[in-house]
N, C-alpha and C. Protein backbone atom coordinates (compact mmCIF):
# COMPACT_ATOMS: atom_id res chain seq x y z
N MET A 1 103.60 88.32 115.56
CA MET A 1 103.26 88.48 114.15
C MET A 1 104.13 89.57 113.54
N THR A 2 104.85 89.26 112.47
CA THR A 2 105.70 90.22 111.79
C THR A 2 105.37 90.19 110.32
N ILE A 3 104.37 90.92 109.92
CA ILE A 3 103.92 90.94 108.54
C ILE A 3 104.79 91.92 107.76
N HIS A 4 105.26 91.47 106.60
CA HIS A 4 105.98 92.37 105.71
C HIS A 4 105.79 91.91 104.26
N PHE A 5 106.08 92.81 103.34
CA PHE A 5 105.93 92.53 101.91
C PHE A 5 107.30 92.39 101.28
N SER A 6 107.33 91.61 100.22
CA SER A 6 108.53 91.47 99.42
C SER A 6 108.07 91.33 97.96
N ASN A 7 109.01 91.29 97.06
CA ASN A 7 108.70 91.10 95.67
C ASN A 7 108.56 89.61 95.34
N ILE A 8 107.80 89.34 94.29
CA ILE A 8 107.79 88.02 93.72
C ILE A 8 108.97 87.95 92.77
N THR A 9 109.80 86.96 92.93
CA THR A 9 111.06 86.85 92.18
C THR A 9 111.17 85.49 91.51
N PRO A 10 112.19 85.30 90.65
CA PRO A 10 112.41 83.97 90.09
C PRO A 10 112.68 82.93 91.17
N ASP A 11 113.15 83.33 92.31
CA ASP A 11 113.45 82.40 93.40
C ASP A 11 112.25 82.00 94.25
N ASN A 12 111.19 82.82 94.29
CA ASN A 12 110.10 82.51 95.19
C ASN A 12 108.73 82.35 94.50
N TRP A 13 108.61 82.57 93.22
CA TRP A 13 107.30 82.58 92.58
C TRP A 13 106.62 81.24 92.69
N ARG A 14 107.35 80.15 92.64
CA ARG A 14 106.70 78.82 92.76
C ARG A 14 106.09 78.63 94.16
N THR A 15 106.77 79.14 95.14
CA THR A 15 106.24 79.03 96.53
C THR A 15 104.90 79.74 96.61
N PHE A 16 104.83 80.94 96.03
CA PHE A 16 103.58 81.72 96.08
C PHE A 16 102.52 81.12 95.17
N LYS A 17 102.94 80.55 94.04
CA LYS A 17 102.01 79.88 93.14
C LYS A 17 101.29 78.77 93.86
N ALA A 18 101.96 78.11 94.77
CA ALA A 18 101.40 76.93 95.47
C ALA A 18 100.42 77.29 96.60
N LEU A 19 100.42 78.53 97.06
CA LEU A 19 99.49 78.91 98.14
C LEU A 19 98.05 78.85 97.60
N LYS A 20 97.17 78.35 98.43
CA LYS A 20 95.76 78.19 98.05
C LYS A 20 94.83 78.74 99.12
N VAL A 21 93.64 79.18 98.66
CA VAL A 21 92.57 79.55 99.56
C VAL A 21 91.73 78.30 99.81
N LYS A 22 90.79 78.42 100.73
CA LYS A 22 89.87 77.30 101.00
C LYS A 22 89.06 76.98 99.74
N GLU A 23 88.69 75.72 99.62
CA GLU A 23 87.95 75.27 98.44
C GLU A 23 86.73 76.17 98.16
N GLU A 24 85.97 76.48 99.21
CA GLU A 24 84.75 77.28 99.01
C GLU A 24 85.04 78.75 98.67
N GLN A 25 86.30 79.17 98.78
CA GLN A 25 86.69 80.55 98.45
C GLN A 25 87.20 80.70 97.02
N LYS A 26 87.44 79.59 96.36
CA LYS A 26 88.04 79.67 95.03
C LYS A 26 87.20 80.44 94.01
N LYS A 27 85.89 80.51 94.24
CA LYS A 27 85.05 81.27 93.31
C LYS A 27 85.12 82.77 93.56
N PHE A 28 85.79 83.15 94.65
CA PHE A 28 85.88 84.58 95.02
C PHE A 28 87.20 85.23 94.66
N VAL A 29 88.23 84.46 94.43
CA VAL A 29 89.57 85.06 94.20
C VAL A 29 90.25 84.32 93.08
N ALA A 30 91.04 85.04 92.29
CA ALA A 30 91.79 84.45 91.21
C ALA A 30 92.89 83.54 91.77
N SER A 31 93.29 82.55 90.95
CA SER A 31 94.45 81.73 91.34
C SER A 31 95.68 82.63 91.37
N ASN A 32 96.70 82.19 92.08
CA ASN A 32 97.93 82.99 92.17
C ASN A 32 98.61 83.12 90.82
N VAL A 33 98.51 82.11 89.96
CA VAL A 33 99.11 82.21 88.62
C VAL A 33 98.35 83.30 87.85
N THR A 34 97.02 83.34 87.99
CA THR A 34 96.22 84.39 87.34
C THR A 34 96.56 85.78 87.89
N ILE A 35 96.83 85.87 89.18
CA ILE A 35 97.23 87.15 89.78
C ILE A 35 98.51 87.65 89.11
N LEU A 36 99.48 86.76 88.95
CA LEU A 36 100.74 87.13 88.30
C LEU A 36 100.51 87.52 86.84
N ALA A 37 99.65 86.79 86.13
CA ALA A 37 99.31 87.13 84.75
C ALA A 37 98.60 88.49 84.67
N ARG A 38 97.69 88.77 85.57
CA ARG A 38 96.97 90.06 85.58
C ARG A 38 97.97 91.20 85.85
N ALA A 39 98.93 90.98 86.70
CA ALA A 39 99.93 92.00 86.98
C ALA A 39 100.72 92.33 85.73
N PHE A 40 101.04 91.29 84.96
CA PHE A 40 101.75 91.52 83.70
C PHE A 40 100.83 92.25 82.72
N ALA A 41 99.58 91.89 82.65
CA ALA A 41 98.64 92.53 81.73
C ALA A 41 98.42 94.00 82.10
N PHE A 42 98.49 94.36 83.37
CA PHE A 42 98.26 95.72 83.84
C PHE A 42 99.57 96.48 84.09
N ARG A 43 100.65 95.98 83.53
CA ARG A 43 101.95 96.60 83.78
C ARG A 43 102.04 98.05 83.34
N ASP A 44 101.27 98.45 82.34
CA ASP A 44 101.24 99.84 81.89
C ASP A 44 100.49 100.73 82.89
N TYR A 45 99.86 100.12 83.88
CA TYR A 45 99.14 100.86 84.90
C TYR A 45 99.80 100.69 86.28
N ASN A 46 101.12 100.62 86.24
CA ASN A 46 101.93 100.54 87.45
C ASN A 46 101.53 99.39 88.36
N SER A 47 101.24 98.22 87.78
CA SER A 47 100.82 97.08 88.61
C SER A 47 102.00 96.61 89.47
N ARG A 48 101.63 96.17 90.67
CA ARG A 48 102.60 95.59 91.60
C ARG A 48 101.97 94.42 92.30
N VAL A 49 102.75 93.38 92.46
CA VAL A 49 102.31 92.21 93.24
C VAL A 49 103.24 92.10 94.43
N TYR A 50 102.67 92.01 95.60
CA TYR A 50 103.47 91.84 96.80
C TYR A 50 103.34 90.42 97.35
N ALA A 51 104.47 89.84 97.69
CA ALA A 51 104.47 88.59 98.44
C ALA A 51 104.29 88.98 99.88
N ILE A 52 103.32 88.35 100.55
CA ILE A 52 103.05 88.66 101.95
C ILE A 52 103.69 87.58 102.81
N TYR A 53 104.47 88.03 103.75
CA TYR A 53 105.18 87.12 104.68
C TYR A 53 104.77 87.43 106.11
N ASN A 54 104.77 86.40 106.93
CA ASN A 54 104.78 86.55 108.40
C ASN A 54 106.14 86.05 108.82
N GLY A 55 107.05 86.97 109.12
CA GLY A 55 108.44 86.59 109.37
C GLY A 55 108.99 86.01 108.08
N ASP A 56 109.47 84.80 108.11
CA ASP A 56 110.01 84.12 106.91
C ASP A 56 108.99 83.25 106.22
N LEU A 57 107.78 83.22 106.73
CA LEU A 57 106.74 82.30 106.25
C LEU A 57 105.88 82.97 105.18
N PRO A 58 105.86 82.44 103.91
CA PRO A 58 104.99 83.01 102.92
C PRO A 58 103.54 82.70 103.22
N ILE A 59 102.68 83.74 103.25
CA ILE A 59 101.28 83.49 103.64
C ILE A 59 100.24 84.01 102.65
N GLY A 60 100.64 84.86 101.68
CA GLY A 60 99.66 85.38 100.76
C GLY A 60 100.22 86.28 99.69
N MET A 61 99.31 86.89 98.95
CA MET A 61 99.68 87.83 97.85
C MET A 61 98.69 88.98 97.80
N LEU A 62 99.19 90.09 97.26
CA LEU A 62 98.36 91.28 97.05
C LEU A 62 98.77 91.90 95.75
N MET A 63 97.78 92.29 94.93
CA MET A 63 98.07 92.98 93.68
C MET A 63 97.34 94.32 93.64
N GLN A 64 98.03 95.34 93.19
CA GLN A 64 97.46 96.66 92.99
C GLN A 64 97.86 97.19 91.65
N HIS A 65 97.08 98.16 91.13
CA HIS A 65 97.46 98.92 89.95
C HIS A 65 96.69 100.20 89.92
N ASP A 66 97.15 101.11 89.08
CA ASP A 66 96.44 102.36 88.89
C ASP A 66 95.17 102.11 88.07
N LEU A 67 94.16 102.93 88.25
CA LEU A 67 92.90 102.74 87.51
C LEU A 67 93.10 103.03 86.03
N ASP A 68 93.91 104.08 85.73
CA ASP A 68 94.17 104.44 84.34
C ASP A 68 95.53 105.13 84.27
N ASP A 69 95.83 105.69 83.09
CA ASP A 69 97.16 106.28 82.86
C ASP A 69 97.57 107.36 83.85
N ASN A 70 96.69 108.29 84.13
CA ASN A 70 96.99 109.41 85.01
C ASN A 70 96.19 109.34 86.29
N SER A 71 96.17 108.19 86.86
CA SER A 71 95.24 107.88 87.91
C SER A 71 95.64 108.41 89.27
N LEU A 72 94.64 108.91 89.96
CA LEU A 72 94.73 109.22 91.38
C LEU A 72 94.00 108.15 92.18
N VAL A 73 93.62 107.10 91.46
CA VAL A 73 92.87 105.99 92.07
C VAL A 73 93.70 104.72 92.00
N CYS A 74 93.90 104.11 93.15
CA CYS A 74 94.59 102.82 93.24
C CYS A 74 93.56 101.71 93.29
N VAL A 75 93.75 100.68 92.48
CA VAL A 75 92.87 99.54 92.46
C VAL A 75 93.53 98.39 93.26
N LEU A 76 92.87 97.95 94.32
CA LEU A 76 93.29 96.74 95.00
C LEU A 76 92.65 95.60 94.19
N ASP A 77 93.42 95.04 93.30
CA ASP A 77 92.90 94.10 92.32
C ASP A 77 92.71 92.69 92.90
N GLN A 78 93.68 92.24 93.68
CA GLN A 78 93.61 90.89 94.25
C GLN A 78 94.25 90.91 95.60
N PHE A 79 93.68 90.07 96.52
CA PHE A 79 94.22 89.93 97.85
C PHE A 79 93.88 88.54 98.33
N MET A 80 94.88 87.78 98.72
CA MET A 80 94.60 86.43 99.23
C MET A 80 95.58 86.10 100.37
N ILE A 81 95.02 85.36 101.33
CA ILE A 81 95.77 84.78 102.41
C ILE A 81 95.53 83.29 102.31
N ALA A 82 96.59 82.51 102.34
CA ALA A 82 96.45 81.04 102.20
C ALA A 82 95.62 80.45 103.32
N GLU A 83 94.89 79.36 102.97
CA GLU A 83 93.91 78.79 103.89
C GLU A 83 94.43 78.50 105.29
N GLN A 84 95.62 77.99 105.41
CA GLN A 84 96.12 77.60 106.73
C GLN A 84 96.48 78.79 107.59
N TYR A 85 96.49 80.00 107.01
CA TYR A 85 96.84 81.20 107.78
C TYR A 85 95.65 82.13 107.98
N GLN A 86 94.47 81.74 107.52
CA GLN A 86 93.30 82.57 107.69
C GLN A 86 92.74 82.47 109.10
N GLY A 87 92.05 83.53 109.50
CA GLY A 87 91.44 83.56 110.82
C GLY A 87 92.38 83.84 111.97
N LYS A 88 93.59 84.32 111.63
CA LYS A 88 94.61 84.57 112.64
C LYS A 88 95.02 86.03 112.68
N GLY A 89 94.33 86.89 111.94
CA GLY A 89 94.63 88.32 111.92
C GLY A 89 95.66 88.71 110.88
N TYR A 90 96.17 87.76 110.10
CA TYR A 90 97.20 88.12 109.11
C TYR A 90 96.64 89.00 107.97
N GLY A 91 95.42 88.69 107.54
CA GLY A 91 94.81 89.51 106.47
C GLY A 91 94.63 90.95 106.91
N LYS A 92 94.08 91.15 108.09
CA LYS A 92 93.90 92.53 108.59
C LYS A 92 95.25 93.23 108.75
N SER A 93 96.23 92.55 109.29
CA SER A 93 97.56 93.14 109.46
C SER A 93 98.19 93.49 108.12
N ALA A 94 98.05 92.60 107.12
CA ALA A 94 98.60 92.87 105.82
C ALA A 94 97.90 94.07 105.17
N MET A 95 96.56 94.18 105.33
CA MET A 95 95.84 95.32 104.79
C MET A 95 96.26 96.63 105.47
N GLN A 96 96.47 96.57 106.78
CA GLN A 96 96.92 97.78 107.50
C GLN A 96 98.27 98.21 107.02
N LEU A 97 99.19 97.27 106.81
CA LEU A 97 100.52 97.59 106.30
C LEU A 97 100.41 98.19 104.91
N TRP A 98 99.61 97.56 104.05
CA TRP A 98 99.46 98.07 102.69
C TRP A 98 98.84 99.49 102.68
N PHE A 99 97.83 99.70 103.50
CA PHE A 99 97.22 101.04 103.65
C PHE A 99 98.30 102.05 104.01
N SER A 100 99.13 101.73 104.97
CA SER A 100 100.20 102.63 105.40
C SER A 100 101.12 102.95 104.23
N MET A 101 101.48 101.96 103.46
CA MET A 101 102.34 102.19 102.27
C MET A 101 101.66 103.11 101.26
N ILE A 102 100.40 102.84 100.96
CA ILE A 102 99.66 103.66 99.99
C ILE A 102 99.56 105.12 100.46
N LYS A 103 99.21 105.27 101.72
CA LYS A 103 99.08 106.64 102.28
C LYS A 103 100.43 107.37 102.24
N ASN A 104 101.51 106.67 102.56
CA ASN A 104 102.84 107.31 102.56
C ASN A 104 103.28 107.73 101.17
N GLU A 105 102.79 107.04 100.14
CA GLU A 105 103.13 107.42 98.78
C GLU A 105 102.55 108.82 98.43
N GLU A 106 101.46 109.17 99.06
CA GLU A 106 100.78 110.44 98.80
C GLU A 106 100.50 110.69 97.31
N LYS A 107 100.20 109.62 96.59
CA LYS A 107 99.94 109.65 95.16
C LYS A 107 98.44 109.60 94.87
N TYR A 108 97.69 108.89 95.69
CA TYR A 108 96.32 108.55 95.36
C TYR A 108 95.31 109.34 96.23
N ASP A 109 94.14 109.60 95.60
CA ASP A 109 93.03 110.21 96.31
C ASP A 109 92.13 109.13 96.94
N SER A 110 92.09 107.97 96.26
CA SER A 110 91.22 106.92 96.77
C SER A 110 91.70 105.54 96.31
N ILE A 111 91.16 104.54 96.96
CA ILE A 111 91.41 103.12 96.66
C ILE A 111 90.04 102.51 96.33
N ILE A 112 89.99 101.74 95.24
CA ILE A 112 88.78 101.00 94.95
C ILE A 112 89.11 99.51 94.90
N LEU A 113 88.08 98.73 95.15
CA LEU A 113 88.23 97.27 95.04
C LEU A 113 86.83 96.72 94.74
N CYS A 114 86.82 95.47 94.34
CA CYS A 114 85.57 94.76 94.12
C CYS A 114 85.61 93.45 94.89
N TYR A 115 84.44 92.99 95.29
CA TYR A 115 84.35 91.65 95.88
C TYR A 115 83.07 91.02 95.35
N ILE A 116 83.04 89.72 95.35
CA ILE A 116 81.90 88.97 94.82
C ILE A 116 80.90 88.73 95.97
N GLU A 117 79.63 89.00 95.67
CA GLU A 117 78.60 88.79 96.68
C GLU A 117 78.68 87.36 97.23
N GLY A 118 78.60 87.24 98.53
CA GLY A 118 78.72 85.95 99.17
C GLY A 118 80.02 85.77 99.89
N ASP A 119 81.03 86.62 99.53
CA ASP A 119 82.33 86.51 100.20
C ASP A 119 82.26 87.37 101.46
N GLU A 120 81.68 86.81 102.46
CA GLU A 120 81.46 87.56 103.71
C GLU A 120 82.75 87.90 104.45
N VAL A 121 83.74 87.05 104.33
CA VAL A 121 85.04 87.32 104.97
C VAL A 121 85.63 88.60 104.39
N ALA A 122 85.66 88.68 103.07
CA ALA A 122 86.22 89.87 102.39
C ALA A 122 85.38 91.12 102.73
N ARG A 123 84.05 90.97 102.62
CA ARG A 123 83.17 92.12 102.89
C ARG A 123 83.40 92.66 104.28
N SER A 124 83.48 91.77 105.24
CA SER A 124 83.68 92.18 106.64
C SER A 124 85.05 92.88 106.83
N LEU A 125 86.08 92.30 106.22
CA LEU A 125 87.42 92.91 106.32
C LEU A 125 87.41 94.30 105.72
N TYR A 126 86.85 94.44 104.53
CA TYR A 126 86.90 95.72 103.84
C TYR A 126 86.07 96.79 104.55
N LEU A 127 84.89 96.39 105.04
CA LEU A 127 84.07 97.36 105.82
C LEU A 127 84.81 97.77 107.08
N GLY A 128 85.47 96.81 107.74
CA GLY A 128 86.22 97.09 108.95
C GLY A 128 87.42 97.99 108.72
N MET A 129 87.94 97.99 107.49
CA MET A 129 89.06 98.84 107.14
C MET A 129 88.60 100.24 106.75
N GLY A 130 87.30 100.45 106.61
CA GLY A 130 86.79 101.78 106.28
C GLY A 130 86.30 101.97 104.84
N PHE A 131 86.27 100.91 104.06
CA PHE A 131 85.72 100.99 102.72
C PHE A 131 84.20 101.20 102.81
N HIS A 132 83.64 101.84 101.77
CA HIS A 132 82.19 102.01 101.72
C HIS A 132 81.71 101.60 100.33
N TYR A 133 80.46 101.26 100.26
CA TYR A 133 79.86 100.86 98.99
C TYR A 133 79.70 102.06 98.10
N THR A 134 79.98 101.90 96.81
CA THR A 134 79.78 102.98 95.83
C THR A 134 78.39 102.92 95.18
N GLY A 135 77.76 101.78 95.28
CA GLY A 135 76.51 101.56 94.58
C GLY A 135 76.70 100.95 93.19
N GLU A 136 77.98 100.85 92.80
CA GLU A 136 78.29 100.29 91.47
C GLU A 136 78.49 98.79 91.57
N VAL A 137 78.18 98.10 90.47
CA VAL A 137 78.43 96.68 90.33
C VAL A 137 79.16 96.54 89.02
N ASP A 138 80.34 95.89 89.03
CA ASP A 138 81.15 95.66 87.85
C ASP A 138 81.02 94.18 87.49
N GLU A 139 80.22 93.89 86.46
CA GLU A 139 79.84 92.50 86.15
C GLU A 139 79.16 91.92 87.39
N ASP A 140 79.80 90.96 88.02
CA ASP A 140 79.17 90.38 89.21
C ASP A 140 79.86 90.77 90.50
N GLU A 141 80.65 91.84 90.44
CA GLU A 141 81.46 92.25 91.57
C GLU A 141 80.95 93.58 92.16
N ILE A 142 80.86 93.66 93.46
CA ILE A 142 80.39 94.83 94.20
C ILE A 142 81.59 95.77 94.42
N VAL A 143 81.46 97.03 94.01
CA VAL A 143 82.55 98.00 94.08
C VAL A 143 82.50 98.74 95.44
N MET A 144 83.68 98.82 96.05
CA MET A 144 83.83 99.58 97.29
C MET A 144 84.97 100.58 97.11
N GLU A 145 84.92 101.66 97.90
CA GLU A 145 85.93 102.69 97.80
C GLU A 145 86.37 103.15 99.20
N TYR A 146 87.60 103.58 99.26
CA TYR A 146 88.16 104.19 100.46
C TYR A 146 88.74 105.53 100.04
N ASN A 147 88.19 106.62 100.57
CA ASN A 147 88.60 107.95 100.19
C ASN A 147 89.79 108.39 101.06
N LEU A 148 90.93 108.42 100.48
CA LEU A 148 92.16 108.79 101.22
C LEU A 148 92.20 110.28 101.57
N LYS A 149 91.57 111.14 100.78
CA LYS A 149 91.59 112.56 101.03
C LYS A 149 90.81 112.89 102.30
N ASP A 150 89.72 112.18 102.54
CA ASP A 150 88.94 112.42 103.75
C ASP A 150 89.62 111.91 104.99
N LYS A 151 90.61 111.03 104.84
CA LYS A 151 91.27 110.40 105.98
C LYS A 151 92.61 111.03 106.31
N ALA A 152 92.96 112.07 105.58
CA ALA A 152 94.31 112.69 105.76
C ALA A 152 94.43 113.37 107.09
């Protein structure tokens, strides 16, 4: 397994647009076109979308942005691994790589994310990565946080 990130470009965006999650997961994650649109909408908050590869094989996408203008908080806005690559450790490996990148930036104090109740795969992954519940709910999404300062 050789997980790495790359940019979404004019040459590869259609490939990533075509990646899909399992039918029963569609209620938990935005479509890849929506992820790209959200990244554009959050561009003033340093949004970034990463194409996730295993070697040369496109397997998923990840979107992050700052919480606000002067943020020390990174928002993991979207994360998806295509259905045919799930259950093989790619999601965990991609999250570990992303964590390493975020920590190396030394810009943020914490990472926040939300997941929808019922998405047990995401909940398990995030808890396993060290996220904790904040007690907040944003609309129908449960908020979790990872404190980078405590992990330094």
